[in-house]
N, C-alpha and C. Protein backbone atom coordinates (compact mmCIF):
# COMPACT_ATOMS: atom_id res chain seq x y z
N PRO A 1 3.58 74.78 -117.65
CA PRO A 1 4.61 73.89 -118.14
C PRO A 1 4.32 72.46 -117.73
N SER A 2 4.61 71.53 -118.61
CA SER A 2 4.34 70.14 -118.31
C SER A 2 5.60 69.32 -118.15
N HIS A 3 6.71 69.77 -118.67
CA HIS A 3 7.99 69.10 -118.47
C HIS A 3 9.12 70.11 -118.57
N CYS A 4 10.32 69.68 -118.26
CA CYS A 4 11.42 70.62 -118.07
C CYS A 4 11.85 71.33 -119.34
N GLY A 5 11.79 70.70 -120.50
CA GLY A 5 12.28 71.30 -121.74
C GLY A 5 11.79 72.70 -121.99
N PRO A 6 10.48 72.90 -122.20
CA PRO A 6 10.00 74.25 -122.45
C PRO A 6 10.14 75.17 -121.25
N CYS A 7 10.05 74.61 -120.06
CA CYS A 7 10.10 75.43 -118.85
C CYS A 7 11.49 75.99 -118.61
N ALA A 8 12.51 75.36 -119.16
CA ALA A 8 13.88 75.79 -118.89
C ALA A 8 14.26 77.08 -119.59
N SER A 9 13.50 77.52 -120.57
CA SER A 9 13.89 78.73 -121.29
C SER A 9 13.52 79.97 -120.50
N ALA A 10 14.32 80.99 -120.64
CA ALA A 10 14.07 82.25 -119.94
C ALA A 10 12.77 82.88 -120.39
N ALA A 11 12.44 82.76 -121.69
CA ALA A 11 11.21 83.35 -122.20
C ALA A 11 9.98 82.69 -121.59
N THR A 12 10.01 81.38 -121.46
CA THR A 12 8.89 80.67 -120.85
C THR A 12 8.74 81.06 -119.40
N LEU A 13 9.86 81.16 -118.70
CA LEU A 13 9.79 81.54 -117.29
C LEU A 13 9.28 82.98 -117.14
N ALA A 14 9.71 83.86 -118.02
CA ALA A 14 9.25 85.25 -117.96
C ALA A 14 7.75 85.36 -118.23
N ALA A 15 7.22 84.49 -119.08
CA ALA A 15 5.80 84.51 -119.40
C ALA A 15 4.95 83.84 -118.33
N TRP A 16 5.56 83.00 -117.51
CA TRP A 16 4.84 82.26 -116.47
C TRP A 16 4.37 83.23 -115.39
N ARG A 17 3.12 83.20 -115.04
CA ARG A 17 2.55 84.12 -114.05
C ARG A 17 2.39 83.49 -112.67
N GLY A 18 2.80 82.26 -112.52
CA GLY A 18 2.71 81.61 -111.22
C GLY A 18 4.06 81.62 -110.52
N PRO A 19 4.16 80.98 -109.39
CA PRO A 19 5.43 80.94 -108.65
C PRO A 19 6.44 80.02 -109.32
N ALA A 20 7.69 80.29 -109.09
CA ALA A 20 8.77 79.44 -109.59
C ALA A 20 9.71 79.13 -108.44
N ALA A 21 10.34 77.97 -108.50
CA ALA A 21 11.29 77.56 -107.46
C ALA A 21 12.59 77.11 -108.11
N LEU A 22 13.68 77.45 -107.47
CA LEU A 22 15.01 77.01 -107.89
C LEU A 22 15.63 76.31 -106.69
N ALA A 23 16.42 75.28 -106.93
CA ALA A 23 16.98 74.52 -105.82
C ALA A 23 18.38 74.03 -106.16
N ILE A 24 19.27 74.11 -105.18
CA ILE A 24 20.58 73.51 -105.34
C ILE A 24 20.61 72.22 -104.54
N PRO A 25 21.35 71.24 -105.00
CA PRO A 25 21.44 69.99 -104.23
C PRO A 25 22.41 70.13 -103.07
N GLY A 26 22.15 69.34 -102.05
CA GLY A 26 23.08 69.24 -100.93
C GLY A 26 23.87 67.97 -101.04
N ASN A 27 24.75 67.74 -100.09
CA ASN A 27 25.59 66.56 -100.15
C ASN A 27 24.78 65.26 -100.12
N HIS A 28 23.65 65.23 -99.44
CA HIS A 28 22.85 64.01 -99.40
C HIS A 28 22.20 63.72 -100.75
N ASP A 29 21.96 64.74 -101.54
CA ASP A 29 21.40 64.53 -102.88
C ASP A 29 22.40 63.83 -103.79
N TRP A 30 23.67 63.90 -103.47
CA TRP A 30 24.70 63.27 -104.29
C TRP A 30 24.91 61.80 -103.95
N VAL A 31 24.30 61.30 -102.87
CA VAL A 31 24.48 59.90 -102.49
C VAL A 31 24.07 58.97 -103.62
N ASP A 32 23.01 59.32 -104.33
CA ASP A 32 22.55 58.49 -105.45
C ASP A 32 22.94 59.10 -106.80
N GLY A 33 23.93 59.99 -106.81
CA GLY A 33 24.37 60.61 -108.05
C GLY A 33 23.38 61.60 -108.62
N LEU A 34 22.57 62.22 -107.78
CA LEU A 34 21.54 63.20 -108.12
C LEU A 34 20.32 62.58 -108.81
N ALA A 35 20.14 61.28 -108.71
CA ALA A 35 19.00 60.63 -109.39
C ALA A 35 17.66 61.17 -108.88
N VAL A 36 17.45 61.21 -107.59
CA VAL A 36 16.17 61.69 -107.06
C VAL A 36 16.03 63.20 -107.28
N TYR A 37 17.09 63.95 -107.03
CA TYR A 37 17.06 65.40 -107.27
C TYR A 37 16.70 65.67 -108.74
N SER A 38 17.34 64.97 -109.65
CA SER A 38 17.04 65.16 -111.08
C SER A 38 15.60 64.80 -111.39
N SER A 39 15.13 63.72 -110.83
CA SER A 39 13.76 63.27 -111.09
C SER A 39 12.72 64.27 -110.61
N PHE A 40 12.95 64.86 -109.43
CA PHE A 40 11.95 65.75 -108.85
C PHE A 40 12.16 67.23 -109.15
N ILE A 41 13.37 67.63 -109.52
CA ILE A 41 13.65 69.06 -109.77
C ILE A 41 13.94 69.31 -111.25
N LEU A 42 14.92 68.63 -111.80
CA LEU A 42 15.37 68.95 -113.15
C LEU A 42 14.48 68.38 -114.25
N ASP A 43 13.98 67.19 -114.06
CA ASP A 43 13.23 66.51 -115.13
C ASP A 43 11.74 66.78 -115.09
N ARG A 44 11.27 67.44 -114.08
CA ARG A 44 9.84 67.60 -113.91
C ARG A 44 9.31 68.90 -114.52
N GLY A 45 9.96 70.02 -114.21
CA GLY A 45 9.53 71.30 -114.75
C GLY A 45 8.33 71.91 -114.05
N TRP A 46 7.71 71.15 -113.17
CA TRP A 46 6.48 71.60 -112.56
C TRP A 46 6.25 70.78 -111.30
N LEU A 47 5.89 71.41 -110.20
CA LEU A 47 5.61 70.68 -108.98
C LEU A 47 4.61 71.46 -108.15
N GLY A 48 3.39 70.95 -108.02
CA GLY A 48 2.37 71.57 -107.18
C GLY A 48 2.06 73.01 -107.53
N GLY A 49 2.01 73.35 -108.79
CA GLY A 49 1.70 74.71 -109.21
C GLY A 49 2.92 75.63 -109.30
N TRP A 50 4.08 75.10 -109.00
CA TRP A 50 5.32 75.87 -109.08
C TRP A 50 6.10 75.43 -110.32
N ALA A 51 6.58 76.40 -111.08
CA ALA A 51 7.45 76.09 -112.20
C ALA A 51 8.84 75.77 -111.66
N LEU A 52 9.47 74.76 -112.22
CA LEU A 52 10.84 74.38 -111.87
C LEU A 52 11.69 74.56 -113.13
N PRO A 53 12.22 75.74 -113.35
CA PRO A 53 12.85 76.07 -114.62
C PRO A 53 14.28 75.58 -114.82
N GLN A 54 14.85 74.89 -113.87
CA GLN A 54 16.25 74.52 -113.96
C GLN A 54 16.50 73.40 -114.95
N ALA A 55 17.63 73.52 -115.65
CA ALA A 55 18.09 72.45 -116.53
C ALA A 55 19.38 71.83 -115.99
N ALA A 56 19.92 72.41 -114.92
CA ALA A 56 21.16 71.93 -114.30
C ALA A 56 21.04 72.08 -112.79
N SER A 57 21.99 71.53 -112.07
CA SER A 57 21.94 71.58 -110.60
C SER A 57 22.44 72.90 -110.04
N TYR A 58 22.70 73.86 -110.89
CA TYR A 58 23.14 75.20 -110.48
C TYR A 58 22.38 76.21 -111.33
N PHE A 59 22.39 77.48 -110.91
CA PHE A 59 21.62 78.48 -111.64
C PHE A 59 22.13 79.88 -111.35
N ALA A 60 21.76 80.80 -112.23
CA ALA A 60 21.97 82.24 -112.02
C ALA A 60 20.64 82.90 -112.30
N LEU A 61 20.19 83.72 -111.38
CA LEU A 61 18.91 84.40 -111.52
C LEU A 61 19.11 85.89 -111.32
N ARG A 62 18.74 86.68 -112.33
CA ARG A 62 18.82 88.14 -112.19
C ARG A 62 17.64 88.59 -111.34
N LEU A 63 17.94 89.36 -110.31
CA LEU A 63 16.94 89.91 -109.42
C LEU A 63 16.80 91.41 -109.70
N PRO A 64 15.79 92.05 -109.15
CA PRO A 64 15.65 93.50 -109.32
C PRO A 64 16.82 94.27 -108.68
N ALA A 65 16.96 95.51 -109.07
CA ALA A 65 17.89 96.48 -108.48
C ALA A 65 19.35 96.06 -108.58
N GLY A 66 19.72 95.38 -109.65
CA GLY A 66 21.13 95.04 -109.87
C GLY A 66 21.67 93.90 -109.03
N TRP A 67 20.81 93.00 -108.58
CA TRP A 67 21.25 91.86 -107.79
C TRP A 67 21.12 90.58 -108.60
N TRP A 68 21.97 89.63 -108.30
CA TRP A 68 21.96 88.30 -108.91
C TRP A 68 21.99 87.25 -107.81
N LEU A 69 21.25 86.17 -108.00
CA LEU A 69 21.28 85.02 -107.10
C LEU A 69 22.01 83.91 -107.84
N LEU A 70 23.15 83.48 -107.32
CA LEU A 70 23.95 82.43 -107.95
C LEU A 70 23.90 81.19 -107.08
N GLY A 71 23.23 80.16 -107.55
CA GLY A 71 23.11 78.90 -106.83
C GLY A 71 24.20 77.95 -107.27
N LEU A 72 25.18 77.69 -106.42
CA LEU A 72 26.34 76.86 -106.74
C LEU A 72 26.15 75.44 -106.21
N ASP A 73 26.48 74.47 -107.02
CA ASP A 73 26.41 73.06 -106.61
C ASP A 73 27.82 72.62 -106.22
N LEU A 74 28.07 72.48 -104.93
CA LEU A 74 29.38 72.08 -104.44
C LEU A 74 29.59 70.57 -104.45
N ALA A 75 28.56 69.82 -104.84
CA ALA A 75 28.64 68.36 -104.93
C ALA A 75 29.22 67.78 -103.65
N LEU A 76 30.05 66.76 -103.78
CA LEU A 76 30.68 66.17 -102.60
C LEU A 76 32.11 66.65 -102.42
N SER A 77 32.59 67.44 -103.38
CA SER A 77 33.98 67.90 -103.32
C SER A 77 34.15 69.23 -102.59
N GLY A 78 33.04 69.96 -102.37
CA GLY A 78 33.15 71.26 -101.73
C GLY A 78 33.55 72.36 -102.69
N ASP A 79 33.48 72.09 -104.00
CA ASP A 79 33.85 73.08 -105.00
C ASP A 79 32.95 72.88 -106.22
N ILE A 80 32.87 73.90 -107.07
CA ILE A 80 32.12 73.76 -108.32
C ILE A 80 33.03 73.09 -109.34
N ASP A 81 32.42 72.42 -110.31
CA ASP A 81 33.21 71.77 -111.36
C ASP A 81 33.51 72.76 -112.48
N ALA A 82 34.28 72.32 -113.48
CA ALA A 82 34.72 73.21 -114.56
C ALA A 82 33.55 73.76 -115.39
N PRO A 83 32.52 72.96 -115.76
CA PRO A 83 31.40 73.55 -116.49
C PRO A 83 30.67 74.64 -115.69
N GLN A 84 30.49 74.43 -114.40
CA GLN A 84 29.87 75.47 -113.55
C GLN A 84 30.74 76.71 -113.50
N PHE A 85 32.03 76.52 -113.34
CA PHE A 85 32.93 77.66 -113.29
C PHE A 85 32.79 78.49 -114.56
N ARG A 86 32.82 77.84 -115.71
CA ARG A 86 32.69 78.57 -116.98
C ARG A 86 31.35 79.28 -117.08
N TYR A 87 30.27 78.63 -116.64
CA TYR A 87 28.93 79.21 -116.67
C TYR A 87 28.87 80.49 -115.84
N PHE A 88 29.31 80.41 -114.58
CA PHE A 88 29.25 81.58 -113.70
C PHE A 88 30.24 82.66 -114.11
N ALA A 89 31.41 82.28 -114.61
CA ALA A 89 32.38 83.27 -115.09
C ALA A 89 31.79 84.04 -116.28
N ARG A 90 31.12 83.34 -117.17
CA ARG A 90 30.49 83.99 -118.33
C ARG A 90 29.38 84.94 -117.88
N ILE A 91 28.57 84.51 -116.91
CA ILE A 91 27.52 85.39 -116.37
C ILE A 91 28.16 86.66 -115.80
N ALA A 92 29.20 86.48 -115.00
CA ALA A 92 29.86 87.62 -114.35
C ALA A 92 30.47 88.58 -115.38
N GLU A 93 31.08 88.05 -116.42
CA GLU A 93 31.77 88.89 -117.39
C GLU A 93 30.84 89.50 -118.44
N GLU A 94 29.80 88.75 -118.83
CA GLU A 94 28.99 89.19 -119.97
C GLU A 94 27.62 89.76 -119.59
N ARG A 95 27.09 89.39 -118.44
CA ARG A 95 25.72 89.80 -118.12
C ARG A 95 25.63 90.72 -116.91
N MET A 96 26.51 90.53 -115.95
CA MET A 96 26.45 91.38 -114.75
C MET A 96 27.07 92.74 -115.04
N GLY A 97 26.46 93.77 -114.48
CA GLY A 97 27.03 95.10 -114.58
C GLY A 97 28.12 95.30 -113.55
N PRO A 98 28.96 96.32 -113.74
CA PRO A 98 30.06 96.55 -112.81
C PRO A 98 29.61 96.88 -111.39
N GLU A 99 28.42 97.40 -111.23
CA GLU A 99 27.92 97.75 -109.90
C GLU A 99 26.94 96.72 -109.35
N ASP A 100 26.64 95.67 -110.11
CA ASP A 100 25.72 94.64 -109.65
C ASP A 100 26.30 93.90 -108.45
N GLY A 101 25.43 93.32 -107.65
CA GLY A 101 25.84 92.53 -106.51
C GLY A 101 25.40 91.09 -106.69
N ALA A 102 26.19 90.17 -106.16
CA ALA A 102 25.87 88.74 -106.26
C ALA A 102 25.64 88.16 -104.87
N ILE A 103 24.61 87.34 -104.78
CA ILE A 103 24.32 86.57 -103.57
C ILE A 103 24.66 85.13 -103.93
N LEU A 104 25.66 84.56 -103.27
CA LEU A 104 26.04 83.17 -103.52
C LEU A 104 25.25 82.27 -102.59
N VAL A 105 24.73 81.17 -103.13
CA VAL A 105 23.98 80.21 -102.33
C VAL A 105 24.65 78.84 -102.48
N THR A 106 25.02 78.25 -101.36
CA THR A 106 25.62 76.91 -101.36
C THR A 106 24.95 76.07 -100.28
N HIS A 107 25.16 74.77 -100.35
CA HIS A 107 24.50 73.90 -99.36
C HIS A 107 25.23 73.88 -98.02
N GLU A 108 26.47 74.33 -97.96
CA GLU A 108 27.16 74.39 -96.68
C GLU A 108 28.02 75.65 -96.64
N PRO A 109 28.23 76.18 -95.44
CA PRO A 109 29.04 77.40 -95.31
C PRO A 109 30.53 77.08 -95.35
N ARG A 110 31.12 77.09 -96.53
CA ARG A 110 32.53 76.72 -96.69
C ARG A 110 33.46 77.62 -95.89
N TRP A 111 33.11 78.90 -95.71
CA TRP A 111 33.99 79.77 -94.94
C TRP A 111 34.08 79.29 -93.50
N LEU A 112 32.99 78.75 -92.97
CA LEU A 112 33.00 78.27 -91.59
C LEU A 112 33.73 76.94 -91.48
N THR A 113 33.51 76.04 -92.43
CA THR A 113 34.20 74.75 -92.35
C THR A 113 35.70 74.93 -92.57
N ARG A 114 36.12 75.92 -93.37
CA ARG A 114 37.55 76.21 -93.54
C ARG A 114 38.12 76.76 -92.23
N TRP A 115 37.36 77.66 -91.58
CA TRP A 115 37.82 78.24 -90.32
C TRP A 115 37.95 77.14 -89.27
N TYR A 116 36.96 76.27 -89.19
CA TYR A 116 36.93 75.25 -88.16
C TYR A 116 37.94 74.14 -88.44
N GLY A 117 38.02 73.70 -89.69
CA GLY A 117 38.86 72.56 -90.02
C GLY A 117 40.16 72.93 -90.71
N GLY A 118 40.38 74.19 -90.98
CA GLY A 118 41.60 74.60 -91.69
C GLY A 118 41.44 74.40 -93.19
N GLY A 119 42.44 74.74 -93.91
CA GLY A 119 42.42 74.54 -95.35
C GLY A 119 42.31 75.83 -96.12
N THR A 120 42.29 75.69 -97.41
CA THR A 120 42.24 76.83 -98.31
C THR A 120 40.88 76.89 -99.00
N PRO A 121 40.56 78.02 -99.61
CA PRO A 121 39.29 78.12 -100.32
C PRO A 121 39.24 77.12 -101.47
N PRO A 122 38.04 76.64 -101.83
CA PRO A 122 37.93 75.76 -102.98
C PRO A 122 38.45 76.50 -104.22
N PRO A 123 39.30 75.86 -105.04
CA PRO A 123 39.96 76.58 -106.13
C PRO A 123 39.02 77.24 -107.14
N HIS A 124 38.00 76.53 -107.61
CA HIS A 124 37.11 77.12 -108.61
C HIS A 124 36.26 78.24 -108.02
N VAL A 125 35.69 78.03 -106.83
CA VAL A 125 34.87 79.08 -106.20
C VAL A 125 35.75 80.28 -105.88
N GLY A 126 36.93 80.04 -105.33
CA GLY A 126 37.83 81.14 -105.00
C GLY A 126 38.20 81.95 -106.23
N ARG A 127 38.51 81.27 -107.33
CA ARG A 127 38.87 81.98 -108.56
C ARG A 127 37.68 82.73 -109.14
N LEU A 128 36.49 82.14 -109.05
CA LEU A 128 35.28 82.82 -109.53
C LEU A 128 35.07 84.12 -108.77
N VAL A 129 35.15 84.05 -107.45
CA VAL A 129 34.90 85.23 -106.61
C VAL A 129 35.97 86.29 -106.83
N GLU A 130 37.23 85.87 -106.86
CA GLU A 130 38.31 86.86 -106.97
C GLU A 130 38.52 87.39 -108.38
N ALA A 131 38.55 86.51 -109.38
CA ALA A 131 38.92 86.93 -110.74
C ALA A 131 37.74 87.39 -111.58
N HIS A 132 36.55 86.90 -111.30
CA HIS A 132 35.41 87.23 -112.16
C HIS A 132 34.36 88.10 -111.47
N LEU A 133 34.03 87.80 -110.24
CA LEU A 133 33.04 88.64 -109.55
C LEU A 133 33.69 89.92 -109.02
N ARG A 134 34.96 89.87 -108.70
CA ARG A 134 35.75 91.06 -108.33
C ARG A 134 35.01 92.04 -107.41
N GLY A 135 34.69 91.60 -106.21
CA GLY A 135 34.04 92.48 -105.24
C GLY A 135 32.53 92.54 -105.35
N ARG A 136 31.95 91.86 -106.32
CA ARG A 136 30.49 91.89 -106.47
C ARG A 136 29.80 90.79 -105.68
N ALA A 137 30.54 89.84 -105.12
CA ALA A 137 29.96 88.82 -104.24
C ALA A 137 29.77 89.47 -102.88
N ARG A 138 28.55 89.84 -102.57
CA ARG A 138 28.30 90.64 -101.37
C ARG A 138 27.65 89.87 -100.22
N LEU A 139 27.10 88.69 -100.52
CA LEU A 139 26.43 87.90 -99.50
C LEU A 139 26.55 86.43 -99.86
N HIS A 140 26.73 85.60 -98.85
CA HIS A 140 26.81 84.15 -99.06
C HIS A 140 25.80 83.49 -98.12
N LEU A 141 24.79 82.87 -98.71
CA LEU A 141 23.78 82.14 -97.93
C LEU A 141 24.11 80.66 -98.02
N ALA A 142 23.93 79.95 -96.92
CA ALA A 142 24.28 78.54 -96.92
C ALA A 142 23.39 77.75 -95.98
N GLY A 143 23.39 76.45 -96.20
CA GLY A 143 22.68 75.52 -95.34
C GLY A 143 23.53 75.18 -94.12
N ASP A 144 23.40 73.95 -93.66
CA ASP A 144 24.05 73.57 -92.41
C ASP A 144 25.35 72.82 -92.66
N ILE A 145 26.05 72.55 -91.57
CA ILE A 145 27.32 71.84 -91.65
C ILE A 145 27.29 70.49 -90.92
N HIS A 146 26.14 70.07 -90.46
CA HIS A 146 26.02 68.79 -89.75
C HIS A 146 26.91 68.74 -88.51
N PHE A 147 27.08 69.86 -87.86
CA PHE A 147 27.88 69.92 -86.65
C PHE A 147 26.90 69.95 -85.49
N TYR A 148 26.50 68.79 -85.06
CA TYR A 148 25.50 68.71 -84.01
C TYR A 148 26.17 68.70 -82.64
N MET A 149 25.65 69.50 -81.74
CA MET A 149 26.18 69.55 -80.39
C MET A 149 24.99 69.73 -79.46
N ARG A 150 24.98 68.99 -78.39
CA ARG A 150 23.91 69.11 -77.41
C ARG A 150 24.48 69.74 -76.16
N HIS A 151 23.81 70.76 -75.68
CA HIS A 151 24.21 71.43 -74.45
C HIS A 151 23.18 71.10 -73.38
N SER A 152 23.64 70.60 -72.26
CA SER A 152 22.75 70.28 -71.15
C SER A 152 23.27 70.95 -69.88
N TYR A 153 22.35 71.38 -69.06
CA TYR A 153 22.71 71.98 -67.79
C TYR A 153 23.08 70.87 -66.81
N VAL A 154 24.21 71.03 -66.16
CA VAL A 154 24.62 70.10 -65.12
C VAL A 154 24.75 70.92 -63.84
N ALA A 155 23.92 70.57 -62.85
CA ALA A 155 23.93 71.32 -61.58
C ALA A 155 25.25 71.11 -60.86
N PRO A 156 25.81 72.17 -60.28
CA PRO A 156 27.04 72.00 -59.49
C PRO A 156 26.73 71.21 -58.23
N PRO A 157 27.75 70.60 -57.65
CA PRO A 157 27.52 69.86 -56.39
C PRO A 157 27.12 70.84 -55.28
N PRO A 158 26.38 70.36 -54.30
CA PRO A 158 25.96 71.25 -53.20
C PRO A 158 27.18 71.84 -52.49
N ALA A 159 27.06 73.08 -52.06
CA ALA A 159 28.16 73.75 -51.36
C ALA A 159 28.46 73.05 -50.06
N GLY A 160 29.74 72.84 -49.81
CA GLY A 160 30.19 72.26 -48.55
C GLY A 160 30.04 70.76 -48.47
N GLY A 161 29.52 70.13 -49.45
CA GLY A 161 29.34 68.69 -49.36
C GLY A 161 30.27 67.96 -50.29
N GLY A 162 30.26 66.68 -50.20
CA GLY A 162 30.96 65.83 -51.13
C GLY A 162 32.44 65.70 -50.89
N GLY A 163 32.99 66.35 -49.86
CA GLY A 163 34.42 66.26 -49.64
C GLY A 163 34.78 65.03 -48.84
N GLY A 164 35.98 64.65 -48.90
CA GLY A 164 36.43 63.53 -48.10
C GLY A 164 37.25 64.04 -46.95
N GLY A 165 37.30 63.37 -45.86
CA GLY A 165 38.02 63.59 -44.63
C GLY A 165 38.67 64.95 -44.41
N GLY A 166 38.37 65.53 -43.35
CA GLY A 166 39.11 66.63 -42.79
C GLY A 166 38.81 68.00 -43.34
N GLY A 167 37.68 68.41 -43.52
CA GLY A 167 37.51 69.81 -43.72
C GLY A 167 36.86 70.26 -45.00
N GLY A 168 35.96 69.49 -45.58
CA GLY A 168 35.12 69.98 -46.66
C GLY A 168 35.77 70.09 -48.01
N GLY A 169 36.83 69.36 -48.28
CA GLY A 169 37.43 69.42 -49.62
C GLY A 169 36.45 69.00 -50.69
N GLY A 170 36.55 69.60 -51.85
CA GLY A 170 35.71 69.23 -52.99
C GLY A 170 34.40 69.97 -53.05
N GLY A 171 34.09 70.82 -52.06
CA GLY A 171 32.82 71.49 -52.09
C GLY A 171 32.84 72.87 -52.73
N GLU A 172 33.97 73.32 -53.20
CA GLU A 172 34.06 74.65 -53.80
C GLU A 172 33.64 74.62 -55.24
N ALA A 173 33.12 75.74 -55.70
CA ALA A 173 32.74 75.86 -57.10
C ALA A 173 34.01 75.94 -57.95
N PRO A 174 33.93 75.42 -59.18
CA PRO A 174 35.10 75.52 -60.07
C PRO A 174 35.54 76.97 -60.22
N GLY A 175 36.81 77.21 -60.17
CA GLY A 175 37.37 78.54 -60.35
C GLY A 175 37.40 79.37 -59.07
N ALA A 176 36.85 78.86 -57.97
CA ALA A 176 36.85 79.62 -56.72
C ALA A 176 38.26 79.59 -56.13
N ALA A 177 38.67 80.68 -55.55
CA ALA A 177 40.02 80.74 -55.00
C ALA A 177 40.00 80.70 -53.50
């Protein structure tokens, strides 16, 4: 493939005997309105011997043994937009079998950010999972949440030292009775 147009068709991808890559954008890809992501992923169709078959920032890929990989673009809102919702709902209703399983892929783990920060599920993703996938969403893979924390060891003060006047105050370990 030399550009995205022919590469985007399922028939072309099926005939391709080399590797293929699919990618969802993360929040940093949206800083420029997906300009760089589009230039290197959507508009190229080919990168270093890999086919890039995507025509949109989201995708559905049928895998062997009744599995589907659904790449959702949460953009900066933390939810899929209406065209994505319709696309994935149609896949779930018209192409997936009743026993098929779906693996959802997003750039951040929304279940964890909801747990940590509170809130409700994103409306479109929640409706997709509950009303259309109906128990077939079996795994959710995600990137990071930018929650950086550094843990460093801090040595306790020496036993019996550091106290002021009269009898060693302050030298006990925390929690000692």
